[in-house]
Amino acid sequence: MSARKRLLFLVLAAVFFLSSISPLVNPIRLTVRNNTYTTVYLKLEGKKAYYYLSVYPGEVETFSVKPTLYKATFWGCGTKKVIRQLNIRQQIRIIFPPCNAPKKSTEKKILRILFSK
């Protein structure tokens, strides 16, 4: 194999490798919809990533976050708190239904955070 072909092969291999890991490096879109009557707060604690976010009642906000595993803490509906693990590797939507909403969901593939009694 000639030097030119080897160089072309190495360049193509590098492009393929870098394109395969780019989703792990690029920020991920996190969309939050707040259907409660209070402001909701989100704290995301991950490896080398920390976010403290807020969304006003009736609002939809979009944030960019690093892809990683997070300890997520959510506050809303007065003093109610929910703690979960979130493995954010691709675009994610979080919905906060009205306070004390039933657990039954009609929406699929969306994380619902319920502030129940």
N, C-alpha and C. Protein backbone atom coordinates (compact mmCIF):
# COMPACT_ATOMS: atom_id res chain seq x y z
N MET A 1 0.85 -1.17 0.00
CA MET A 1 0.00 0.00 0.00
C MET A 1 0.90 1.24 0.00
N SER A 2 0.58 2.16 -0.86
CA SER A 2 1.40 3.36 -0.97
C SER A 2 1.15 4.29 0.22
N ALA A 3 2.05 5.22 0.42
CA ALA A 3 1.95 6.18 1.53
C ALA A 3 0.69 7.03 1.40
N ARG A 4 0.34 7.36 0.17
CA ARG A 4 -0.84 8.19 -0.07
C ARG A 4 -2.12 7.44 0.34
N LYS A 5 -2.20 6.15 0.01
CA LYS A 5 -3.37 5.35 0.37
C LYS A 5 -3.44 5.15 1.88
N ARG A 6 -2.29 4.95 2.52
CA ARG A 6 -2.27 4.81 3.98
C ARG A 6 -2.76 6.08 4.67
N LEU A 7 -2.30 7.20 4.17
CA LEU A 7 -2.72 8.48 4.73
C LEU A 7 -4.23 8.67 4.56
N LEU A 8 -4.76 8.36 3.40
CA LEU A 8 -6.18 8.47 3.14
C LEU A 8 -6.96 7.54 4.08
N PHE A 9 -6.47 6.32 4.26
CA PHE A 9 -7.11 5.36 5.16
C PHE A 9 -7.13 5.89 6.60
N LEU A 10 -6.00 6.45 7.05
CA LEU A 10 -5.93 6.98 8.41
C LEU A 10 -6.88 8.16 8.61
N VAL A 11 -6.97 9.02 7.61
CA VAL A 11 -7.86 10.17 7.70
C VAL A 11 -9.31 9.69 7.77
N LEU A 12 -9.69 8.75 6.93
CA LEU A 12 -11.06 8.23 6.94
C LEU A 12 -11.37 7.52 8.26
N ALA A 13 -10.41 6.76 8.78
CA ALA A 13 -10.60 6.08 10.06
C ALA A 13 -10.78 7.11 11.18
N ALA A 14 -10.00 8.18 11.17
CA ALA A 14 -10.12 9.22 12.19
C ALA A 14 -11.47 9.92 12.11
N VAL A 15 -11.93 10.22 10.90
CA VAL A 15 -13.23 10.87 10.73
C VAL A 15 -14.34 9.96 11.25
N PHE A 16 -14.27 8.68 10.92
CA PHE A 16 -15.27 7.73 11.39
C PHE A 16 -15.27 7.65 12.91
N PHE A 17 -14.10 7.56 13.51
CA PHE A 17 -13.99 7.46 14.96
C PHE A 17 -14.53 8.71 15.64
N LEU A 18 -14.13 9.88 15.16
CA LEU A 18 -14.58 11.12 15.78
C LEU A 18 -16.08 11.33 15.61
N SER A 19 -16.64 10.92 14.48
CA SER A 19 -18.08 11.08 14.29
C SER A 19 -18.85 10.13 15.18
N SER A 20 -18.27 8.99 15.53
CA SER A 20 -18.97 8.03 16.39
C SER A 20 -18.98 8.49 17.85
N ILE A 21 -18.00 9.28 18.29
CA ILE A 21 -18.00 9.74 19.68
C ILE A 21 -18.55 11.14 19.84
N SER A 22 -18.85 11.83 18.76
CA SER A 22 -19.33 13.21 18.87
C SER A 22 -20.61 13.35 19.68
N PRO A 23 -21.58 12.39 19.63
CA PRO A 23 -22.75 12.56 20.49
C PRO A 23 -22.40 12.57 21.98
N LEU A 24 -21.28 11.97 22.36
CA LEU A 24 -20.89 11.96 23.76
C LEU A 24 -20.22 13.25 24.18
N VAL A 25 -19.83 14.07 23.23
CA VAL A 25 -19.11 15.30 23.52
C VAL A 25 -20.01 16.52 23.36
N ASN A 26 -20.89 16.50 22.36
CA ASN A 26 -21.75 17.64 22.08
C ASN A 26 -22.82 17.81 23.16
N PRO A 27 -23.23 19.04 23.41
CA PRO A 27 -24.30 19.26 24.38
C PRO A 27 -25.61 18.61 23.92
N ILE A 28 -26.42 18.23 24.88
CA ILE A 28 -27.70 17.60 24.63
C ILE A 28 -28.81 18.60 24.97
N ARG A 29 -29.87 18.57 24.18
CA ARG A 29 -30.98 19.48 24.43
C ARG A 29 -31.92 18.89 25.47
N LEU A 30 -32.19 19.66 26.51
CA LEU A 30 -33.11 19.30 27.58
C LEU A 30 -34.26 20.28 27.53
N THR A 31 -35.47 19.78 27.26
CA THR A 31 -36.65 20.64 27.21
C THR A 31 -37.51 20.36 28.43
N VAL A 32 -37.91 21.42 29.11
CA VAL A 32 -38.69 21.30 30.35
C VAL A 32 -39.99 22.09 30.18
N ARG A 33 -41.11 21.41 30.42
CA ARG A 33 -42.42 22.07 30.37
C ARG A 33 -43.02 22.05 31.78
N ASN A 34 -43.37 23.21 32.28
CA ASN A 34 -43.91 23.35 33.63
C ASN A 34 -45.41 23.63 33.57
N ASN A 35 -46.21 22.62 33.90
CA ASN A 35 -47.66 22.78 33.92
C ASN A 35 -48.19 22.98 35.34
N THR A 36 -47.30 23.26 36.29
CA THR A 36 -47.74 23.51 37.67
C THR A 36 -48.08 24.99 37.83
N TYR A 37 -48.54 25.35 39.02
CA TYR A 37 -48.85 26.75 39.32
C TYR A 37 -47.69 27.46 40.01
N THR A 38 -46.56 26.76 40.19
CA THR A 38 -45.39 27.35 40.85
C THR A 38 -44.16 27.21 39.95
N THR A 39 -43.14 27.96 40.26
CA THR A 39 -41.87 27.79 39.57
C THR A 39 -41.28 26.44 39.98
N VAL A 40 -40.73 25.70 39.01
CA VAL A 40 -40.05 24.45 39.33
C VAL A 40 -38.55 24.67 39.20
N TYR A 41 -37.81 23.98 40.04
CA TYR A 41 -36.36 24.09 40.06
C TYR A 41 -35.75 22.72 39.81
N LEU A 42 -34.68 22.69 39.04
CA LEU A 42 -33.98 21.45 38.73
C LEU A 42 -32.52 21.62 39.10
N LYS A 43 -31.98 20.67 39.82
CA LYS A 43 -30.54 20.66 40.10
C LYS A 43 -30.00 19.36 39.51
N LEU A 44 -29.05 19.48 38.59
CA LEU A 44 -28.43 18.32 37.96
C LEU A 44 -26.97 18.27 38.39
N GLU A 45 -26.60 17.18 39.04
CA GLU A 45 -25.23 17.00 39.51
C GLU A 45 -24.64 15.79 38.81
N GLY A 46 -23.63 16.04 37.97
CA GLY A 46 -22.97 14.96 37.24
C GLY A 46 -21.47 15.08 37.33
N LYS A 47 -20.81 14.13 36.71
CA LYS A 47 -19.35 14.15 36.68
C LYS A 47 -18.90 15.33 35.83
N LYS A 48 -18.24 16.28 36.44
CA LYS A 48 -17.74 17.49 35.77
C LYS A 48 -18.85 18.32 35.13
N ALA A 49 -20.08 18.21 35.65
CA ALA A 49 -21.20 19.01 35.14
C ALA A 49 -22.15 19.29 36.28
N TYR A 50 -22.60 20.53 36.40
CA TYR A 50 -23.53 20.93 37.45
C TYR A 50 -24.44 22.02 36.88
N TYR A 51 -25.74 21.82 37.04
CA TYR A 51 -26.70 22.80 36.53
C TYR A 51 -27.76 23.05 37.60
N TYR A 52 -28.16 24.30 37.73
CA TYR A 52 -29.28 24.68 38.58
C TYR A 52 -30.20 25.50 37.68
N LEU A 53 -31.38 24.94 37.38
CA LEU A 53 -32.28 25.53 36.39
C LEU A 53 -33.63 25.84 37.02
N SER A 54 -34.33 26.80 36.47
CA SER A 54 -35.69 27.10 36.94
C SER A 54 -36.58 27.36 35.73
N VAL A 55 -37.86 26.98 35.88
CA VAL A 55 -38.85 27.19 34.82
C VAL A 55 -40.12 27.73 35.48
N TYR A 56 -40.60 28.86 34.97
CA TYR A 56 -41.78 29.51 35.54
C TYR A 56 -43.06 28.75 35.17
N PRO A 57 -44.13 28.96 35.93
CA PRO A 57 -45.40 28.27 35.65
C PRO A 57 -45.88 28.52 34.22
N GLY A 58 -46.32 27.44 33.57
CA GLY A 58 -46.85 27.54 32.21
C GLY A 58 -45.81 27.72 31.13
N GLU A 59 -44.54 27.74 31.46
CA GLU A 59 -43.48 27.99 30.49
C GLU A 59 -42.85 26.69 29.98
N VAL A 60 -42.24 26.78 28.82
CA VAL A 60 -41.42 25.71 28.25
C VAL A 60 -40.04 26.31 28.02
N GLU A 61 -39.02 25.69 28.58
CA GLU A 61 -37.65 26.18 28.43
C GLU A 61 -36.78 25.07 27.85
N THR A 62 -35.81 25.47 27.06
CA THR A 62 -34.86 24.52 26.48
C THR A 62 -33.46 24.89 26.96
N PHE A 63 -32.73 23.88 27.44
CA PHE A 63 -31.38 24.07 27.95
C PHE A 63 -30.43 23.13 27.22
N SER A 64 -29.16 23.45 27.21
CA SER A 64 -28.12 22.57 26.69
C SER A 64 -27.30 22.06 27.86
N VAL A 65 -27.18 20.73 27.96
CA VAL A 65 -26.44 20.13 29.06
C VAL A 65 -25.46 19.10 28.51
N LYS A 66 -24.43 18.83 29.30
CA LYS A 66 -23.45 17.81 28.92
C LYS A 66 -24.07 16.43 29.05
N PRO A 67 -23.77 15.53 28.11
CA PRO A 67 -24.29 14.17 28.24
C PRO A 67 -23.52 13.40 29.32
N THR A 68 -24.24 12.95 30.34
CA THR A 68 -23.64 12.17 31.42
C THR A 68 -24.75 11.64 32.33
N LEU A 69 -24.37 10.94 33.36
CA LEU A 69 -25.30 10.46 34.38
C LEU A 69 -25.42 11.53 35.45
N TYR A 70 -26.65 11.92 35.79
CA TYR A 70 -26.89 12.98 36.75
C TYR A 70 -27.68 12.47 37.94
N LYS A 71 -27.38 13.04 39.11
CA LYS A 71 -28.30 12.96 40.24
C LYS A 71 -29.17 14.20 40.07
N ALA A 72 -30.46 13.99 39.85
CA ALA A 72 -31.36 15.10 39.57
C ALA A 72 -32.29 15.32 40.76
N THR A 73 -32.39 16.57 41.18
CA THR A 73 -33.30 16.94 42.25
C THR A 73 -34.26 17.97 41.67
N PHE A 74 -35.58 17.75 41.89
CA PHE A 74 -36.62 18.63 41.37
C PHE A 74 -37.44 19.15 42.54
N TRP A 75 -37.74 20.47 42.52
CA TRP A 75 -38.58 21.09 43.52
C TRP A 75 -39.74 21.79 42.84
N GLY A 76 -40.92 21.73 43.44
CA GLY A 76 -42.08 22.42 42.90
C GLY A 76 -43.30 22.19 43.77
N CYS A 77 -44.42 22.79 43.38
CA CYS A 77 -45.69 22.63 44.10
C CYS A 77 -45.51 22.88 45.59
N GLY A 78 -44.96 24.00 45.91
CA GLY A 78 -44.70 24.33 47.32
C GLY A 78 -43.34 23.81 47.73
N THR A 79 -43.33 22.90 48.68
CA THR A 79 -42.05 22.40 49.20
C THR A 79 -41.79 20.95 48.80
N LYS A 80 -42.47 20.46 47.77
CA LYS A 80 -42.31 19.06 47.37
C LYS A 80 -41.00 18.88 46.60
N LYS A 81 -40.38 17.71 46.83
CA LYS A 81 -39.07 17.42 46.22
C LYS A 81 -39.07 15.98 45.71
N VAL A 82 -38.45 15.80 44.52
CA VAL A 82 -38.28 14.48 43.92
C VAL A 82 -36.81 14.35 43.54
N ILE A 83 -36.22 13.19 43.88
CA ILE A 83 -34.81 12.93 43.53
C ILE A 83 -34.78 11.69 42.63
N ARG A 84 -34.06 11.78 41.52
CA ARG A 84 -33.94 10.66 40.57
C ARG A 84 -32.56 10.67 39.95
N GLN A 85 -32.22 9.55 39.34
CA GLN A 85 -31.01 9.47 38.51
C GLN A 85 -31.46 9.67 37.07
N LEU A 86 -30.75 10.51 36.33
CA LEU A 86 -31.04 10.73 34.91
C LEU A 86 -29.79 10.43 34.11
N ASN A 87 -29.88 9.51 33.19
CA ASN A 87 -28.78 9.22 32.29
C ASN A 87 -29.09 9.94 30.98
N ILE A 88 -28.56 11.13 30.84
CA ILE A 88 -28.86 11.95 29.67
C ILE A 88 -27.81 11.68 28.60
N ARG A 89 -28.21 10.98 27.56
CA ARG A 89 -27.33 10.65 26.44
C ARG A 89 -27.88 11.14 25.11
N GLN A 90 -29.17 11.50 25.11
CA GLN A 90 -29.81 12.03 23.91
C GLN A 90 -30.85 13.04 24.33
N GLN A 91 -31.43 13.72 23.36
CA GLN A 91 -32.42 14.75 23.67
C GLN A 91 -33.47 14.20 24.62
N ILE A 92 -33.86 15.00 25.60
CA ILE A 92 -34.83 14.56 26.60
C ILE A 92 -35.83 15.68 26.88
N ARG A 93 -37.07 15.29 27.11
CA ARG A 93 -38.13 16.24 27.48
C ARG A 93 -38.65 15.85 28.85
N ILE A 94 -38.79 16.82 29.72
CA ILE A 94 -39.34 16.60 31.06
C ILE A 94 -40.60 17.45 31.19
N ILE A 95 -41.65 16.81 31.68
CA ILE A 95 -42.91 17.51 31.90
C ILE A 95 -43.24 17.46 33.39
N PHE A 96 -43.61 18.60 33.92
CA PHE A 96 -44.13 18.70 35.27
C PHE A 96 -45.64 18.91 35.15
N PRO A 97 -46.44 17.84 35.37
CA PRO A 97 -47.90 17.98 35.29
C PRO A 97 -48.41 18.87 36.41
N PRO A 98 -49.70 19.24 36.35
CA PRO A 98 -50.26 20.05 37.44
C PRO A 98 -50.04 19.37 38.79
N CYS A 99 -49.94 20.15 39.82
CA CYS A 99 -49.71 19.61 41.17
C CYS A 99 -50.81 18.60 41.52
N ASN A 100 -50.41 17.50 42.16
CA ASN A 100 -51.30 16.42 42.58
C ASN A 100 -52.03 15.76 41.42
N ALA A 101 -51.41 15.74 40.24
CA ALA A 101 -51.99 15.07 39.08
C ALA A 101 -51.96 13.56 39.29
N PRO A 102 -52.89 12.83 38.64
CA PRO A 102 -52.86 11.36 38.76
C PRO A 102 -51.61 10.80 38.10
N LYS A 103 -51.23 9.59 38.48
CA LYS A 103 -50.01 8.99 37.96
C LYS A 103 -50.15 8.49 36.54
N LYS A 104 -51.37 8.30 36.04
CA LYS A 104 -51.59 7.79 34.70
C LYS A 104 -51.13 8.83 33.67
N SER A 105 -50.37 8.37 32.68
CA SER A 105 -49.83 9.27 31.66
C SER A 105 -50.31 8.85 30.28
N THR A 106 -50.65 9.84 29.47
CA THR A 106 -51.01 9.55 28.08
C THR A 106 -49.85 9.85 27.15
N GLU A 107 -48.82 10.50 27.64
CA GLU A 107 -47.69 10.87 26.81
C GLU A 107 -46.59 9.83 26.95
N LYS A 108 -46.06 9.38 25.84
CA LYS A 108 -45.02 8.35 25.83
C LYS A 108 -43.64 8.99 25.63
N LYS A 109 -42.62 8.32 26.15
CA LYS A 109 -41.22 8.71 25.98
C LYS A 109 -40.92 10.11 26.50
N ILE A 110 -41.67 10.51 27.49
CA ILE A 110 -41.42 11.80 28.14
C ILE A 110 -41.35 11.53 29.64
N LEU A 111 -40.36 12.05 30.28
CA LEU A 111 -40.22 11.88 31.71
C LEU A 111 -41.18 12.82 32.42
N ARG A 112 -42.10 12.24 33.20
CA ARG A 112 -43.03 13.03 33.97
C ARG A 112 -42.57 13.03 35.42
N ILE A 113 -42.41 14.19 36.01
CA ILE A 113 -42.06 14.32 37.42
C ILE A 113 -43.31 14.75 38.16
N LEU A 114 -43.81 13.86 39.00
CA LEU A 114 -45.05 14.14 39.74
C LEU A 114 -44.74 14.62 41.14
N PHE A 115 -45.34 15.72 41.51
CA PHE A 115 -45.27 16.20 42.90
C PHE A 115 -46.59 15.78 43.54
N SER A 116 -46.62 14.58 44.11
CA SER A 116 -47.86 14.03 44.69
C SER A 116 -47.86 14.22 46.19
N LYS A 117 -49.01 13.92 46.75
CA LYS A 117 -49.15 14.01 48.21
C LYS A 117 -48.29 12.98 48.88
